N, C-alpha and C. Protein backbone atom coordinates (compact mmCIF):
# COMPACT_ATOMS: atom_id res chain seq x y z
N UNK A 1 -98.65 -79.77 76.18
CA UNK A 1 -99.50 -78.88 75.40
C UNK A 1 -99.41 -77.48 75.99
N UNK A 2 -99.17 -76.55 75.13
CA UNK A 2 -99.07 -75.17 75.59
C UNK A 2 -100.32 -74.41 75.20
N UNK A 3 -100.65 -73.47 76.03
CA UNK A 3 -101.84 -72.67 75.77
C UNK A 3 -101.55 -71.67 74.66
N UNK A 4 -102.52 -71.44 73.78
CA UNK A 4 -102.31 -70.45 72.72
C UNK A 4 -102.13 -69.06 73.32
N UNK A 5 -101.28 -68.29 72.70
CA UNK A 5 -101.06 -66.92 73.17
C UNK A 5 -101.72 -65.96 72.21
N UNK A 6 -102.20 -64.92 72.76
CA UNK A 6 -102.81 -63.88 71.92
C UNK A 6 -102.06 -62.59 72.17
N UNK A 7 -101.75 -61.95 71.13
CA UNK A 7 -101.08 -60.65 71.25
C UNK A 7 -102.14 -59.58 71.43
N UNK A 8 -101.91 -58.78 72.41
CA UNK A 8 -102.84 -57.67 72.62
C UNK A 8 -102.14 -56.38 72.23
N UNK A 9 -102.81 -55.64 71.46
CA UNK A 9 -102.27 -54.34 71.06
C UNK A 9 -103.24 -53.28 71.49
N UNK A 10 -102.69 -52.20 71.92
CA UNK A 10 -103.58 -51.10 72.30
C UNK A 10 -103.79 -50.22 71.08
N UNK A 11 -105.00 -49.78 70.88
CA UNK A 11 -105.25 -48.92 69.72
C UNK A 11 -104.51 -47.59 69.89
N UNK A 12 -103.92 -47.13 68.83
CA UNK A 12 -103.23 -45.85 68.88
C UNK A 12 -104.15 -44.79 68.32
N UNK A 13 -104.10 -43.66 68.96
CA UNK A 13 -104.92 -42.55 68.51
C UNK A 13 -104.07 -41.66 67.62
N UNK A 14 -104.58 -41.36 66.47
CA UNK A 14 -103.89 -40.49 65.55
C UNK A 14 -104.56 -39.13 65.58
N UNK A 15 -103.77 -38.10 65.81
CA UNK A 15 -104.31 -36.74 65.87
C UNK A 15 -104.17 -36.12 64.49
N UNK A 16 -105.28 -35.67 63.98
CA UNK A 16 -105.29 -35.00 62.69
C UNK A 16 -105.59 -33.54 62.95
N UNK A 17 -104.74 -32.69 62.43
CA UNK A 17 -104.88 -31.26 62.68
C UNK A 17 -105.21 -30.53 61.39
N UNK A 18 -106.09 -29.57 61.51
CA UNK A 18 -106.40 -28.72 60.36
C UNK A 18 -105.75 -27.36 60.51
N UNK A 19 -104.91 -27.22 61.54
CA UNK A 19 -104.23 -25.96 61.78
C UNK A 19 -103.17 -25.71 60.73
N UNK A 20 -102.67 -24.50 60.74
CA UNK A 20 -101.58 -24.13 59.84
C UNK A 20 -100.33 -24.92 60.21
N UNK A 21 -99.42 -25.05 59.28
CA UNK A 21 -98.19 -25.76 59.59
C UNK A 21 -97.45 -25.07 60.73
N UNK A 22 -96.67 -25.82 61.51
CA UNK A 22 -95.97 -25.18 62.62
C UNK A 22 -95.00 -24.13 62.13
N UNK A 23 -94.78 -23.15 62.96
CA UNK A 23 -93.88 -22.06 62.61
C UNK A 23 -92.45 -22.55 62.60
N UNK A 24 -91.75 -22.32 61.50
CA UNK A 24 -90.35 -22.71 61.48
C UNK A 24 -89.52 -21.51 61.93
N UNK A 25 -88.40 -21.80 62.53
CA UNK A 25 -87.53 -20.74 63.02
C UNK A 25 -87.06 -19.92 61.82
N UNK A 26 -87.08 -18.61 61.98
CA UNK A 26 -86.67 -17.75 60.89
C UNK A 26 -85.21 -17.37 61.07
N UNK A 27 -84.54 -17.20 59.97
CA UNK A 27 -83.15 -16.76 60.01
C UNK A 27 -83.12 -15.27 59.69
N UNK A 28 -82.02 -14.59 60.00
CA UNK A 28 -81.95 -13.15 59.73
C UNK A 28 -82.18 -12.80 58.27
N UNK A 29 -81.93 -13.74 57.35
CA UNK A 29 -82.11 -13.45 55.93
C UNK A 29 -83.56 -13.61 55.48
N UNK A 30 -84.40 -14.24 56.31
CA UNK A 30 -85.81 -14.41 55.97
C UNK A 30 -86.53 -13.06 56.04
N UNK A 31 -87.39 -12.78 55.05
CA UNK A 31 -88.16 -11.53 55.15
C UNK A 31 -89.16 -11.63 56.30
N UNK A 32 -89.55 -10.49 56.87
CA UNK A 32 -90.55 -10.52 57.94
C UNK A 32 -91.89 -11.00 57.40
N UNK A 33 -92.77 -11.39 58.32
CA UNK A 33 -94.11 -11.86 57.94
C UNK A 33 -95.16 -10.95 58.56
N UNK A 34 -96.40 -11.12 58.13
CA UNK A 34 -97.50 -10.33 58.70
C UNK A 34 -97.63 -10.55 60.20
N UNK A 35 -97.23 -11.71 60.69
CA UNK A 35 -97.33 -12.01 62.12
C UNK A 35 -96.40 -11.14 62.96
N UNK A 36 -95.42 -10.49 62.33
CA UNK A 36 -94.46 -9.67 63.08
C UNK A 36 -94.90 -8.22 63.23
N UNK A 37 -96.01 -7.84 62.60
CA UNK A 37 -96.45 -6.45 62.65
C UNK A 37 -97.25 -6.13 63.90
N UNK A 38 -97.25 -4.85 64.25
CA UNK A 38 -98.02 -4.34 65.39
C UNK A 38 -99.16 -3.47 64.86
N UNK A 39 -100.18 -3.26 65.69
CA UNK A 39 -101.28 -2.39 65.26
C UNK A 39 -100.77 -1.02 64.80
N UNK A 40 -101.34 -0.58 63.68
CA UNK A 40 -100.95 0.71 63.10
C UNK A 40 -99.87 0.59 62.04
N UNK A 41 -99.19 -0.54 61.97
CA UNK A 41 -98.14 -0.71 60.97
C UNK A 41 -98.74 -1.15 59.64
N UNK A 42 -98.11 -0.67 58.57
CA UNK A 42 -98.51 -1.06 57.22
C UNK A 42 -97.36 -1.81 56.57
N UNK A 43 -97.72 -2.68 55.64
CA UNK A 43 -96.71 -3.45 54.92
C UNK A 43 -97.21 -3.76 53.52
N UNK A 44 -96.27 -4.06 52.66
CA UNK A 44 -96.58 -4.50 51.31
C UNK A 44 -96.28 -6.00 51.26
N UNK A 45 -97.22 -6.75 50.73
CA UNK A 45 -97.03 -8.20 50.62
C UNK A 45 -96.02 -8.49 49.51
N UNK A 46 -95.03 -9.31 49.84
CA UNK A 46 -93.99 -9.70 48.90
C UNK A 46 -94.30 -11.07 48.31
N UNK A 47 -94.75 -12.00 49.16
CA UNK A 47 -95.03 -13.37 48.71
C UNK A 47 -95.88 -14.09 49.73
N UNK A 48 -96.56 -15.12 49.26
CA UNK A 48 -97.28 -16.05 50.13
C UNK A 48 -96.57 -17.39 49.97
N UNK A 49 -96.00 -17.89 51.06
CA UNK A 49 -95.15 -19.07 51.04
C UNK A 49 -95.96 -20.35 50.89
N UNK A 50 -96.16 -20.79 49.66
CA UNK A 50 -96.98 -21.98 49.39
C UNK A 50 -96.30 -23.26 49.83
N UNK A 51 -94.99 -23.24 50.04
CA UNK A 51 -94.28 -24.44 50.47
C UNK A 51 -94.72 -24.89 51.86
N UNK A 52 -95.26 -23.99 52.65
CA UNK A 52 -95.65 -24.32 54.02
C UNK A 52 -97.13 -24.61 54.14
N UNK A 53 -97.81 -24.77 53.04
CA UNK A 53 -99.23 -25.12 53.07
C UNK A 53 -99.94 -24.56 51.85
N UNK A 54 -100.11 -25.39 50.83
CA UNK A 54 -100.69 -24.90 49.59
C UNK A 54 -102.16 -24.52 49.74
N UNK A 55 -102.91 -25.27 50.55
CA UNK A 55 -104.33 -24.92 50.74
C UNK A 55 -104.45 -23.59 51.47
N UNK A 56 -103.64 -23.40 52.49
CA UNK A 56 -103.67 -22.15 53.24
C UNK A 56 -103.22 -21.00 52.35
N UNK A 57 -102.18 -21.20 51.57
CA UNK A 57 -101.69 -20.16 50.66
C UNK A 57 -102.78 -19.77 49.67
N UNK A 58 -103.48 -20.75 49.12
CA UNK A 58 -104.56 -20.45 48.18
C UNK A 58 -105.69 -19.70 48.87
N UNK A 59 -106.02 -20.10 50.08
CA UNK A 59 -107.08 -19.42 50.84
C UNK A 59 -106.71 -17.96 51.09
N UNK A 60 -105.47 -17.72 51.48
CA UNK A 60 -105.04 -16.34 51.75
C UNK A 60 -105.06 -15.49 50.48
N UNK A 61 -104.61 -16.05 49.36
CA UNK A 61 -104.66 -15.27 48.12
C UNK A 61 -106.10 -15.02 47.68
N UNK A 62 -106.98 -16.00 47.90
CA UNK A 62 -108.40 -15.80 47.59
C UNK A 62 -109.00 -14.67 48.44
N UNK A 63 -108.49 -14.52 49.66
CA UNK A 63 -108.99 -13.47 50.56
C UNK A 63 -108.37 -12.10 50.27
N UNK A 64 -107.42 -12.04 49.33
CA UNK A 64 -106.85 -10.76 48.96
C UNK A 64 -105.43 -10.52 49.42
N UNK A 65 -104.82 -11.49 50.07
CA UNK A 65 -103.42 -11.35 50.49
C UNK A 65 -102.53 -11.73 49.31
N UNK A 66 -102.36 -10.78 48.38
CA UNK A 66 -101.61 -11.05 47.16
C UNK A 66 -100.39 -10.14 47.08
N UNK A 67 -99.31 -10.61 46.45
CA UNK A 67 -98.11 -9.78 46.33
C UNK A 67 -98.41 -8.42 45.71
N UNK A 68 -97.81 -7.39 46.31
CA UNK A 68 -97.99 -6.03 45.84
C UNK A 68 -99.06 -5.26 46.59
N UNK A 69 -99.95 -5.96 47.26
CA UNK A 69 -101.05 -5.31 47.99
C UNK A 69 -100.55 -4.78 49.34
N UNK A 70 -101.08 -3.62 49.73
CA UNK A 70 -100.77 -3.03 51.03
C UNK A 70 -101.75 -3.53 52.07
N UNK A 71 -101.22 -3.87 53.25
CA UNK A 71 -102.01 -4.40 54.36
C UNK A 71 -101.67 -3.57 55.60
N UNK A 72 -102.69 -3.29 56.41
CA UNK A 72 -102.46 -2.59 57.67
C UNK A 72 -103.03 -3.42 58.81
N UNK A 73 -102.29 -3.47 59.92
CA UNK A 73 -102.79 -4.15 61.11
C UNK A 73 -103.62 -3.12 61.88
N UNK A 74 -104.91 -3.40 62.02
CA UNK A 74 -105.80 -2.49 62.75
C UNK A 74 -105.78 -2.79 64.24
N UNK A 75 -105.87 -4.07 64.58
CA UNK A 75 -105.90 -4.48 66.00
C UNK A 75 -105.36 -5.88 66.15
N UNK A 76 -104.98 -6.17 67.40
CA UNK A 76 -104.65 -7.53 67.80
C UNK A 76 -105.46 -7.83 69.05
N UNK A 77 -105.89 -9.06 69.19
CA UNK A 77 -106.63 -9.46 70.39
C UNK A 77 -105.71 -9.32 71.61
N UNK A 78 -106.28 -9.24 72.80
CA UNK A 78 -105.47 -9.04 74.01
C UNK A 78 -104.29 -10.00 74.18
N UNK A 79 -104.43 -11.24 73.78
CA UNK A 79 -103.32 -12.19 73.90
C UNK A 79 -102.51 -12.28 72.61
N UNK A 80 -102.75 -11.37 71.67
CA UNK A 80 -101.97 -11.32 70.44
C UNK A 80 -102.51 -12.12 69.28
N UNK A 81 -103.64 -12.76 69.46
CA UNK A 81 -104.18 -13.60 68.40
C UNK A 81 -105.69 -13.62 68.52
N UNK A 82 -106.47 -13.34 67.51
CA UNK A 82 -106.12 -13.08 66.13
C UNK A 82 -105.80 -11.61 65.87
N UNK A 83 -105.45 -11.35 64.61
CA UNK A 83 -105.18 -10.00 64.12
C UNK A 83 -106.41 -9.51 63.35
N UNK A 84 -106.58 -8.21 63.29
CA UNK A 84 -107.57 -7.61 62.39
C UNK A 84 -106.80 -6.78 61.38
N UNK A 85 -106.93 -7.13 60.10
CA UNK A 85 -106.21 -6.47 59.02
C UNK A 85 -107.15 -5.66 58.15
N UNK A 86 -106.62 -4.58 57.58
CA UNK A 86 -107.28 -3.84 56.51
C UNK A 86 -106.59 -4.30 55.23
N UNK A 87 -107.33 -4.98 54.37
CA UNK A 87 -106.80 -5.48 53.11
C UNK A 87 -107.72 -4.95 52.02
N UNK A 88 -107.14 -4.23 51.06
CA UNK A 88 -107.94 -3.59 50.01
C UNK A 88 -108.99 -2.71 50.69
N UNK A 89 -110.26 -2.95 50.44
CA UNK A 89 -111.30 -2.08 51.02
C UNK A 89 -112.13 -2.81 52.08
N UNK A 90 -111.58 -3.84 52.70
CA UNK A 90 -112.32 -4.56 53.73
C UNK A 90 -111.41 -4.94 54.90
N UNK A 91 -112.04 -5.32 56.01
CA UNK A 91 -111.32 -5.76 57.20
C UNK A 91 -111.50 -7.27 57.33
N UNK A 92 -110.43 -7.93 57.75
CA UNK A 92 -110.48 -9.38 57.90
C UNK A 92 -109.67 -9.79 59.13
N UNK A 93 -110.22 -10.72 59.89
CA UNK A 93 -109.56 -11.24 61.08
C UNK A 93 -108.88 -12.56 60.72
N UNK A 94 -107.60 -12.68 61.08
CA UNK A 94 -106.84 -13.89 60.76
C UNK A 94 -106.00 -14.31 61.96
N UNK A 95 -105.78 -15.62 62.08
CA UNK A 95 -104.94 -16.15 63.15
C UNK A 95 -103.46 -15.92 62.83
N UNK A 96 -102.69 -15.74 63.88
CA UNK A 96 -101.25 -15.52 63.74
C UNK A 96 -100.59 -16.68 62.99
N UNK A 97 -100.98 -17.90 63.31
CA UNK A 97 -100.39 -19.08 62.65
C UNK A 97 -100.63 -19.06 61.15
N UNK A 98 -101.75 -18.50 60.72
CA UNK A 98 -102.07 -18.46 59.29
C UNK A 98 -101.27 -17.40 58.55
N UNK A 99 -101.06 -16.25 59.15
CA UNK A 99 -100.40 -15.16 58.43
C UNK A 99 -98.88 -15.24 58.50
N UNK A 100 -98.35 -16.25 59.17
CA UNK A 100 -96.89 -16.43 59.20
C UNK A 100 -96.33 -16.79 57.84
N UNK A 101 -97.16 -17.22 56.92
CA UNK A 101 -96.65 -17.59 55.60
C UNK A 101 -96.69 -16.41 54.62
N UNK A 102 -97.18 -15.25 55.08
CA UNK A 102 -97.25 -14.07 54.21
C UNK A 102 -96.01 -13.22 54.45
N UNK A 103 -95.11 -13.20 53.48
CA UNK A 103 -93.87 -12.43 53.56
C UNK A 103 -94.16 -10.98 53.17
N UNK A 104 -93.54 -10.05 53.90
CA UNK A 104 -93.84 -8.63 53.70
C UNK A 104 -92.58 -7.78 53.65
N UNK A 105 -92.76 -6.54 53.23
CA UNK A 105 -91.77 -5.49 53.45
C UNK A 105 -92.53 -4.36 54.12
N UNK A 106 -91.99 -3.87 55.22
CA UNK A 106 -92.68 -2.83 55.97
C UNK A 106 -92.66 -1.52 55.19
N UNK A 107 -93.73 -0.75 55.37
CA UNK A 107 -93.85 0.56 54.74
C UNK A 107 -93.63 1.59 55.84
N UNK A 108 -92.78 2.55 55.57
CA UNK A 108 -92.52 3.60 56.55
C UNK A 108 -93.79 4.37 56.81
N UNK A 109 -93.99 4.73 58.07
CA UNK A 109 -95.20 5.50 58.43
C UNK A 109 -95.05 6.94 58.06
């Protein structure tokens, strides 16, 4: 007679993140994003990349980050994150990971 065996499994922890999608490597043909700007620079929004997060893209457009609109970087936190932007007639603070999906064309100063 053999003793019954029991399989023991360890519970696995699943990490759920609400952060923006990870940054994908950009190629030279990719347009720059808001995350590439420095304080004092202005840009015109070309597109919001919904393929990298539809909820985030919708949130950004709801906040005024829409194609054709001019955006200026007012400040960056000491470690580079978050940014403070002038969008339309208001200021808004956004994380670098979030604004990586906003494609821009720089405006000459």
